[in-house]
Amino acid sequence: MFYELATPTFGEEEHVALKKVIDSGFFTMGQYVEKFEQQFAAYHDKKYAVMVNSGSSANLIATAALCFKKDSPLKPGDEVIVPAISWATTYHPLQQYGLKLKFVDVELDSLNIDVSALEDALTAETKMIVGVSILGNPAALDVIESFAKHHGLYFLEDNCESLDAELNGRKAGTFGDIGTFSFFFSHHISTMEGGMLVTDNEELYQLALSLRNHGWTRGQPDNSLLFEKQHDDFNEAYRFILPGYNVRPGELHAVVGIEQLAKLPEFTKIRRKNLGLFQQLFGQDPRFITQQEHGKSSAFCFPMIVKKAAGISREQVFEALKKADIGYRMITGGNFLRHDAIKYFNWSSVGEMTNADYAHDYGFFIGNHPVDLAEQLNTLHQILGEL
């Protein structure tokens, strides 16, 4: 394809690292997972990081950890404020733990949650807010953080699409009680499959360690806050304390994560250079709404929304892109309330999801990669200019 949605980012360094693990014969979670966690935590200036097998699992473990806290755990029926646009697995763990979702519309220009509606979303049952930075563009994380602290809410930050984005000199993913990340093939760095959560809270960290690994005590620090060690070493080795999962990553995933993390600053630099060209080409195009940068975007991709008065339809745009061999797709998961799965949720909303619907019906995105895309973007500009 002339202009793909996603492209491989592995080089010789990743291939050598993979061979190192293959030659060792040891593939399950071990030294490289621990090393990657330490480096990732340091990169984000956080105390703790826990690697899992996907960003979706990171959201699951983060939600579960907040439900098993000793003091003030989340309980079935508690309300959680969420944006109308995100990926499905932002919401699914909330439903699976019996939480009630309160949907808030997004801003059309940023595609992130409309923080002016947060006070209207708040009730006596509200216990948490989920902040999502869409497609590399930081949400108003400082506002959400302040709102959560003022009202005594947990703040779960889903940063699976926005690794290396920044707001006010802080990395996205570090504003919440827990932040989650994804290392899927098309994301800012790839570990084939993989995810991470970060936190400064020791109890949440220890809960995440146990929940990741069958809910047992193995891998817990000596000073665990979750249980008192017994004297029977035989039974202690197979002691389960939480209803956990097996969402462990492997050494192959972690060892390439180490190499990819080292490349991340340069990856982001190139992505942002491509973003500058995209903004130059399309920022003033009266036919499209383009995502307005908030803070410092890590430029996951290039979202575009066809204006109703543009004189062209989204279907015409798609046909032109197909002919030019240019990939495109929905903006994240669109308005989640429009998906069949919503029938399984306990939810309400603050007014109509007008902007989320608009993005769902008129929006799409084009890929961005950590390579020079001048030829592809100029071709895109030419193709759409001819409509």
Protein backbone atom coordinates (compact mmCIF):
# COMPACT_ATOMS: atom_id res chain seq x y z
CA MET A 1 0.00 0.00 0.00
CA PHE A 2 1.26 3.48 -0.84
CA TYR A 3 0.30 4.98 2.54
CA GLU A 4 -0.39 2.46 5.30
CA LEU A 5 -2.23 3.02 8.55
CA ALA A 6 0.64 1.39 10.46
CA THR A 7 4.18 0.31 9.67
CA PRO A 8 6.84 -1.86 11.37
CA THR A 9 9.36 -0.06 13.58
CA PHE A 10 11.69 -2.93 14.47
CA GLY A 11 15.31 -2.66 13.37
CA GLU A 12 18.45 -4.70 13.85
CA GLU A 13 18.52 -3.88 17.57
CA GLU A 14 15.16 -5.57 18.16
CA HIS A 15 16.15 -8.60 16.07
CA VAL A 16 19.36 -9.06 18.07
CA ALA A 17 17.44 -8.68 21.33
CA LEU A 18 14.85 -11.25 20.29
CA LYS A 19 17.57 -13.73 19.35
CA LYS A 20 19.17 -13.20 22.74
CA VAL A 21 15.99 -14.35 24.46
CA ILE A 22 15.43 -17.20 22.02
CA ASP A 23 18.97 -18.47 22.59
CA SER A 24 18.44 -18.32 26.35
CA GLY A 25 15.49 -20.71 26.15
CA PHE A 26 13.66 -18.72 28.85
CA PHE A 27 10.52 -17.00 27.56
CA THR A 28 8.14 -16.43 30.45
CA MET A 29 8.15 -13.24 32.52
CA GLY A 30 11.60 -12.66 34.00
CA GLN A 31 14.59 -10.33 34.06
CA TYR A 32 13.76 -8.37 30.89
CA VAL A 33 10.21 -7.66 32.02
CA GLU A 34 11.58 -6.31 35.29
CA LYS A 35 14.20 -4.21 33.50
CA PHE A 36 11.66 -2.76 31.07
CA GLU A 37 9.31 -1.91 33.95
CA GLN A 38 12.09 -0.08 35.77
CA GLN A 39 13.09 1.89 32.68
CA PHE A 40 9.50 2.75 31.81
CA ALA A 41 8.78 3.97 35.34
CA ALA A 42 11.92 6.12 35.28
CA TYR A 43 11.00 7.56 31.87
CA HIS A 44 7.69 8.73 33.34
CA ASP A 45 9.12 9.76 36.73
CA LYS A 46 6.85 7.27 38.52
CA LYS A 47 7.71 4.91 41.37
CA TYR A 48 6.18 1.76 39.94
CA ALA A 49 5.37 0.16 36.60
CA VAL A 50 3.71 -3.19 35.93
CA MET A 51 3.89 -4.73 32.46
CA VAL A 52 1.02 -6.85 31.13
CA ASN A 53 0.14 -8.49 27.83
CA SER A 54 -1.86 -5.58 26.36
CA GLY A 55 -3.16 -2.09 27.00
CA SER A 56 -6.61 -3.61 27.41
CA SER A 57 -5.26 -5.81 30.20
CA ALA A 58 -3.64 -2.74 31.76
CA ASN A 59 -7.09 -1.13 31.97
CA LEU A 60 -8.53 -4.33 33.43
CA ILE A 61 -5.86 -4.66 36.10
CA ALA A 62 -6.01 -0.94 36.93
CA THR A 63 -9.78 -1.10 37.42
CA ALA A 64 -9.51 -4.31 39.45
CA ALA A 65 -6.82 -2.83 41.70
CA LEU A 66 -9.07 0.13 42.53
CA CYS A 67 -11.86 -2.33 43.39
CA PHE A 68 -9.64 -4.29 45.81
CA LYS A 69 -8.12 -1.38 47.73
CA LYS A 70 -8.35 -1.80 51.50
CA ASP A 71 -9.81 1.66 52.04
CA SER A 72 -12.53 3.19 49.86
CA PRO A 73 -12.56 0.54 47.12
CA LEU A 74 -14.77 0.98 44.09
CA LYS A 75 -18.00 -1.00 44.48
CA PRO A 76 -20.72 -2.20 42.09
CA GLY A 77 -23.08 0.68 41.34
CA ASP A 78 -20.48 3.40 41.81
CA GLU A 79 -20.55 5.98 39.04
CA VAL A 80 -17.59 6.65 36.74
CA ILE A 81 -17.40 9.69 34.45
CA VAL A 82 -16.11 8.71 30.99
CA PRO A 83 -15.70 10.40 27.58
CA ALA A 84 -18.02 9.31 24.77
CA ILE A 85 -15.10 8.56 22.44
CA SER A 86 -12.48 5.99 23.35
CA TRP A 87 -11.54 2.40 22.59
CA ALA A 88 -13.93 -0.34 23.76
CA THR A 89 -11.60 -1.68 26.43
CA THR A 90 -11.56 1.65 28.20
CA TYR A 91 -15.15 0.84 29.15
CA HIS A 92 -15.35 -2.95 29.35
CA PRO A 93 -13.49 -3.41 32.67
CA LEU A 94 -15.79 -0.84 34.24
CA GLN A 95 -18.83 -2.84 33.16
CA GLN A 96 -17.23 -6.11 34.25
CA TYR A 97 -16.77 -4.74 37.78
CA GLY A 98 -20.37 -3.53 38.01
CA LEU A 99 -19.68 0.19 37.73
CA LYS A 100 -22.16 2.66 36.25
CA LEU A 101 -20.84 4.83 33.42
CA LYS A 102 -21.72 8.51 33.06
CA PHE A 103 -20.90 9.58 29.50
CA VAL A 104 -19.74 13.10 28.69
CA ASP A 105 -19.43 14.52 25.18
CA VAL A 106 -16.09 15.46 23.62
CA GLU A 107 -14.73 18.68 22.18
CA LEU A 108 -14.91 18.54 18.40
CA ASP A 109 -11.56 20.22 17.84
CA SER A 110 -9.50 18.18 20.35
CA LEU A 111 -11.63 14.98 20.37
CA ASN A 112 -11.05 14.81 24.14
CA ILE A 113 -13.60 14.97 26.96
CA ASP A 114 -15.40 18.30 27.37
CA VAL A 115 -14.26 19.26 30.87
CA SER A 116 -16.84 22.07 31.04
CA ALA A 117 -19.46 19.34 31.55
CA LEU A 118 -17.74 17.62 34.49
CA GLU A 119 -19.68 19.44 37.19
CA ASP A 120 -22.96 18.50 35.49
CA ALA A 121 -21.83 14.87 35.43
CA LEU A 122 -21.06 14.76 39.15
CA THR A 123 -23.49 13.09 41.57
CA ALA A 124 -23.26 11.74 45.09
CA GLU A 125 -22.56 8.30 43.58
CA THR A 126 -19.59 9.47 41.47
CA LYS A 127 -16.40 7.76 42.63
CA MET A 128 -14.02 7.95 39.66
CA ILE A 129 -13.27 9.76 36.43
CA VAL A 130 -11.53 8.18 33.46
CA GLY A 131 -9.41 10.58 31.43
CA VAL A 132 -8.46 9.53 27.91
CA SER A 133 -6.02 11.36 25.67
CA ILE A 134 -7.20 10.63 22.14
CA LEU A 135 -4.76 9.77 19.36
CA GLY A 136 -1.67 11.38 20.86
CA ASN A 137 -3.38 14.60 21.94
CA PRO A 138 -3.36 15.26 25.72
CA ALA A 139 -6.77 15.81 27.27
CA ALA A 140 -7.16 18.57 29.86
CA LEU A 141 -5.41 16.27 32.32
CA ASP A 142 -4.53 19.06 34.74
CA VAL A 143 -8.18 20.12 34.93
CA ILE A 144 -9.32 16.51 35.40
CA GLU A 145 -6.67 15.93 38.07
CA SER A 146 -7.78 19.04 39.97
CA PHE A 147 -11.45 18.10 39.63
CA ALA A 148 -10.79 14.58 40.92
CA LYS A 149 -8.80 15.81 43.92
CA HIS A 150 -11.35 18.47 44.79
CA HIS A 151 -14.20 15.95 44.82
CA GLY A 152 -12.29 13.01 46.28
CA LEU A 153 -12.51 10.88 43.12
CA TYR A 154 -10.14 8.29 41.74
CA PHE A 155 -8.57 9.30 38.43
CA LEU A 156 -7.81 6.49 36.02
CA GLU A 157 -5.83 7.79 33.06
CA ASP A 158 -6.08 5.73 29.88
CA ASN A 159 -3.05 6.81 27.88
CA CYS A 160 -2.95 3.85 25.51
CA GLU A 161 -3.04 6.10 22.42
CA SER A 162 -0.78 8.90 23.65
CA LEU A 163 2.57 7.58 24.85
CA ASP A 164 5.18 10.39 25.06
CA ALA A 165 2.63 13.20 24.86
CA GLU A 166 3.15 16.01 27.36
CA LEU A 167 1.14 18.64 29.17
CA ASN A 168 2.78 21.39 31.23
CA GLY A 169 6.09 19.53 31.16
CA ARG A 170 4.58 16.28 32.49
CA LYS A 171 4.17 13.08 30.53
CA ALA A 172 0.64 12.05 29.71
CA GLY A 173 -0.22 8.97 31.70
CA THR A 174 1.23 10.38 34.92
CA PHE A 175 -1.64 12.60 36.11
CA GLY A 176 -3.92 9.86 37.42
CA ASP A 177 -3.81 7.52 40.38
CA ILE A 178 -3.00 4.92 37.73
CA GLY A 179 -2.00 5.48 34.10
CA THR A 180 -2.22 2.83 31.39
CA PHE A 181 -0.31 2.35 28.13
CA SER A 182 -0.45 0.09 25.08
CA PHE A 183 2.40 -1.28 22.96
CA PHE A 184 0.34 -2.71 20.11
CA PHE A 185 1.86 -2.92 16.63
CA SER A 186 0.43 0.40 15.43
CA HIS A 187 1.21 2.39 18.59
CA HIS A 188 4.12 4.68 19.44
CA ILE A 189 6.32 1.77 20.43
CA SER A 190 5.56 -1.89 19.85
CA THR A 191 6.32 -4.98 21.88
CA MET A 192 4.24 -7.09 19.44
CA GLU A 193 1.55 -7.25 22.11
CA GLY A 194 1.93 -5.56 25.47
CA GLY A 195 0.83 -2.90 27.90
CA MET A 196 1.89 -1.16 31.09
CA LEU A 197 0.41 0.61 34.07
CA VAL A 198 2.22 3.16 36.24
CA THR A 199 1.47 4.52 39.70
CA ASP A 200 3.08 6.11 42.74
CA ASN A 201 0.73 4.26 45.10
CA GLU A 202 2.42 1.23 46.68
CA GLU A 203 -0.83 -0.57 47.49
CA LEU A 204 -2.12 -0.22 43.93
CA TYR A 205 1.25 -1.46 42.67
CA GLN A 206 1.17 -4.55 44.84
CA LEU A 207 -2.46 -5.26 43.92
CA ALA A 208 -1.54 -5.00 40.23
CA LEU A 209 1.35 -7.42 40.69
CA SER A 210 -0.93 -10.03 42.24
CA LEU A 211 -3.85 -9.50 39.84
CA ARG A 212 -1.52 -9.84 36.84
CA ASN A 213 -0.27 -13.19 38.10
CA HIS A 214 -3.21 -15.46 39.06
CA GLY A 215 -3.99 -13.43 42.19
CA TRP A 216 -1.28 -15.25 44.13
CA THR A 217 1.41 -14.06 46.49
CA ARG A 218 4.37 -15.01 44.33
CA GLY A 219 6.31 -11.94 43.20
CA GLN A 220 5.09 -9.77 46.07
CA PRO A 221 7.67 -7.69 47.94
CA ASP A 222 8.76 -8.88 51.38
CA ASN A 223 6.88 -6.00 53.01
CA SER A 224 3.61 -6.72 51.20
CA LEU A 225 0.65 -4.61 52.25
CA LEU A 226 -1.77 -7.29 51.08
CA PHE A 227 -1.06 -10.28 53.31
CA GLU A 228 1.04 -11.63 56.16
CA LYS A 229 3.46 -14.36 55.18
CA GLN A 230 2.83 -17.75 56.75
CA HIS A 231 5.47 -20.18 57.97
CA ASP A 232 4.40 -23.07 55.73
CA ASP A 233 6.65 -22.49 52.70
CA PHE A 234 5.01 -25.28 50.70
CA ASN A 235 1.50 -23.79 50.88
CA GLU A 236 2.84 -20.23 50.75
CA ALA A 237 4.28 -20.89 47.28
CA TYR A 238 0.75 -21.48 45.97
CA ARG A 239 -1.30 -19.06 48.03
CA PHE A 240 -4.03 -17.10 46.27
CA ILE A 241 -5.22 -13.86 47.83
CA LEU A 242 -7.18 -12.17 45.01
CA PRO A 243 -9.44 -13.27 42.14
CA GLY A 244 -6.77 -12.49 39.58
CA TYR A 245 -5.87 -13.26 35.98
CA ASN A 246 -2.97 -14.43 33.89
CA VAL A 247 -2.12 -11.34 31.84
CA ARG A 248 1.65 -11.68 32.14
CA PRO A 249 3.90 -10.53 29.30
CA GLY A 250 6.79 -12.61 28.02
CA GLU A 251 10.49 -11.92 27.84
CA LEU A 252 10.32 -11.52 24.05
CA HIS A 253 7.85 -8.67 24.49
CA ALA A 254 9.89 -6.94 27.16
CA VAL A 255 13.27 -7.23 25.50
CA VAL A 256 12.08 -5.42 22.38
CA GLY A 257 10.27 -2.92 24.60
CA ILE A 258 13.64 -1.97 26.07
CA GLU A 259 15.00 -1.28 22.58
CA GLN A 260 11.86 0.56 21.46
CA LEU A 261 11.80 2.77 24.56
CA ALA A 262 15.35 3.89 23.78
CA LYS A 263 14.14 4.96 20.33
CA LEU A 264 10.96 6.65 21.54
CA PRO A 265 12.27 10.24 21.75
CA GLU A 266 13.44 10.10 18.12
CA PHE A 267 10.21 8.38 17.06
CA THR A 268 8.21 11.20 18.64
CA LYS A 269 10.41 13.86 17.08
CA ILE A 270 9.74 12.46 13.60
CA ARG A 271 6.03 12.00 14.27
CA ARG A 272 5.80 15.62 15.36
CA LYS A 273 7.65 16.77 12.24
CA ASN A 274 5.05 14.95 10.15
CA LEU A 275 2.33 16.58 12.26
CA GLY A 276 3.78 20.01 11.44
CA LEU A 277 3.53 19.28 7.72
CA PHE A 278 0.00 17.93 8.07
CA GLN A 279 -1.06 21.08 9.92
CA GLN A 280 0.57 23.22 7.23
CA LEU A 281 -1.28 21.37 4.47
CA PHE A 282 -4.70 20.95 6.09
CA GLY A 283 -4.90 23.33 9.06
CA GLN A 284 -6.63 26.05 7.03
CA ASP A 285 -8.62 23.78 4.73
CA PRO A 286 -12.23 25.00 5.17
CA ARG A 287 -13.64 21.56 4.30
CA PHE A 288 -12.15 19.73 7.30
CA ILE A 289 -11.96 19.94 11.07
CA THR A 290 -8.51 18.80 12.15
CA GLN A 291 -7.43 17.92 15.68
CA GLN A 292 -6.14 20.98 17.51
CA GLU A 293 -3.05 20.24 19.57
CA HIS A 294 -3.41 20.59 23.32
CA GLY A 295 -0.13 20.53 25.18
CA LYS A 296 2.46 18.59 23.21
CA SER A 297 0.94 15.86 21.08
CA SER A 298 2.81 12.65 20.32
CA ALA A 299 0.93 12.58 17.00
CA PHE A 300 -0.48 9.07 16.87
CA CYS A 301 -2.19 9.85 13.55
CA PHE A 302 -4.02 12.59 11.61
CA PRO A 303 -7.75 12.78 12.44
CA MET A 304 -9.98 14.64 9.97
CA ILE A 305 -13.69 15.45 10.11
CA VAL A 306 -15.56 16.44 6.97
CA LYS A 307 -17.63 19.56 7.59
CA LYS A 308 -21.31 19.29 6.69
CA ALA A 309 -21.00 22.38 4.48
CA ALA A 310 -17.83 21.17 2.79
CA GLY A 311 -19.49 20.41 -0.54
CA ILE A 312 -18.07 16.89 -0.41
CA SER A 313 -19.14 13.80 1.47
CA ARG A 314 -17.07 11.43 3.60
CA GLU A 315 -17.93 8.69 1.11
CA GLN A 316 -16.35 10.73 -1.69
CA VAL A 317 -13.23 11.17 0.44
CA PHE A 318 -13.07 7.44 1.13
CA GLU A 319 -13.43 6.60 -2.55
CA ALA A 320 -10.57 8.96 -3.42
CA LEU A 321 -8.38 7.45 -0.69
CA LYS A 322 -9.10 3.93 -1.91
CA LYS A 323 -8.10 4.83 -5.45
CA ALA A 324 -4.88 6.41 -4.19
CA ASP A 325 -4.07 3.34 -2.06
CA ILE A 326 -4.20 5.33 1.19
CA GLY A 327 -5.39 3.64 4.38
CA TYR A 328 -8.01 5.17 6.67
CA ARG A 329 -10.18 4.14 9.61
CA MET A 330 -12.65 5.31 12.28
CA ILE A 331 -11.52 7.82 14.91
CA THR A 332 -10.58 5.48 17.78
CA GLY A 333 -13.84 3.56 18.35
CA GLY A 334 -16.19 6.42 17.55
CA ASN A 335 -19.06 7.21 19.89
CA PHE A 336 -19.22 4.14 22.14
CA LEU A 337 -22.94 4.68 22.74
CA ARG A 338 -23.48 3.79 19.08
CA HIS A 339 -22.11 0.25 19.49
CA ASP A 340 -24.20 -2.86 20.16
CA ALA A 341 -22.26 -3.67 23.33
CA ILE A 342 -23.80 -0.70 25.14
CA LYS A 343 -26.91 -2.81 25.86
CA TYR A 344 -24.86 -4.69 28.46
CA PHE A 345 -23.89 -1.53 30.36
CA ASN A 346 -25.43 0.40 33.20
CA TRP A 347 -25.06 3.97 31.98
CA SER A 348 -26.41 7.48 31.68
CA SER A 349 -25.19 10.60 29.93
CA VAL A 350 -24.89 14.34 30.34
CA GLY A 351 -27.09 15.64 27.52
CA GLU A 352 -26.64 14.60 23.91
CA MET A 353 -23.35 13.32 22.53
CA THR A 354 -23.52 15.84 19.67
CA ASN A 355 -19.81 16.15 18.96
CA ALA A 356 -19.10 12.45 19.45
CA ASP A 357 -21.87 11.68 16.94
CA TYR A 358 -20.45 14.23 14.50
CA ALA A 359 -16.99 12.67 14.71
CA HIS A 360 -18.53 9.19 14.39
CA ASP A 361 -20.49 10.07 11.23
CA TYR A 362 -18.09 12.46 9.49
CA GLY A 363 -14.63 11.63 10.86
CA PHE A 364 -11.74 9.33 9.98
CA PHE A 365 -7.99 9.24 10.44
CA ILE A 366 -4.88 8.76 8.33
CA GLY A 367 -1.80 7.05 9.76
CA ASN A 368 1.38 8.61 11.11
CA HIS A 369 4.70 6.76 11.44
CA PRO A 370 8.19 7.53 12.79
CA VAL A 371 9.53 8.00 9.25
CA ASP A 372 9.43 10.97 6.88
CA LEU A 373 5.94 11.11 5.34
CA ALA A 374 6.40 14.20 3.17
CA GLU A 375 5.66 12.28 -0.05
CA GLN A 376 2.60 10.58 1.39
CA LEU A 377 1.17 13.72 2.98
CA ASN A 378 1.71 15.84 -0.11
CA THR A 379 0.00 13.17 -2.19
CA LEU A 380 -2.88 13.10 0.29
CA HIS A 381 -3.17 16.86 -0.03
CA GLN A 382 -3.21 16.63 -3.82
CA ILE A 383 -5.80 13.84 -3.87
CA LEU A 384 -8.19 15.62 -1.50
CA GLY A 385 -7.56 18.94 -3.22
CA GLU A 386 -8.95 17.51 -6.42
CA LEU A 387 -12.33 16.68 -4.88
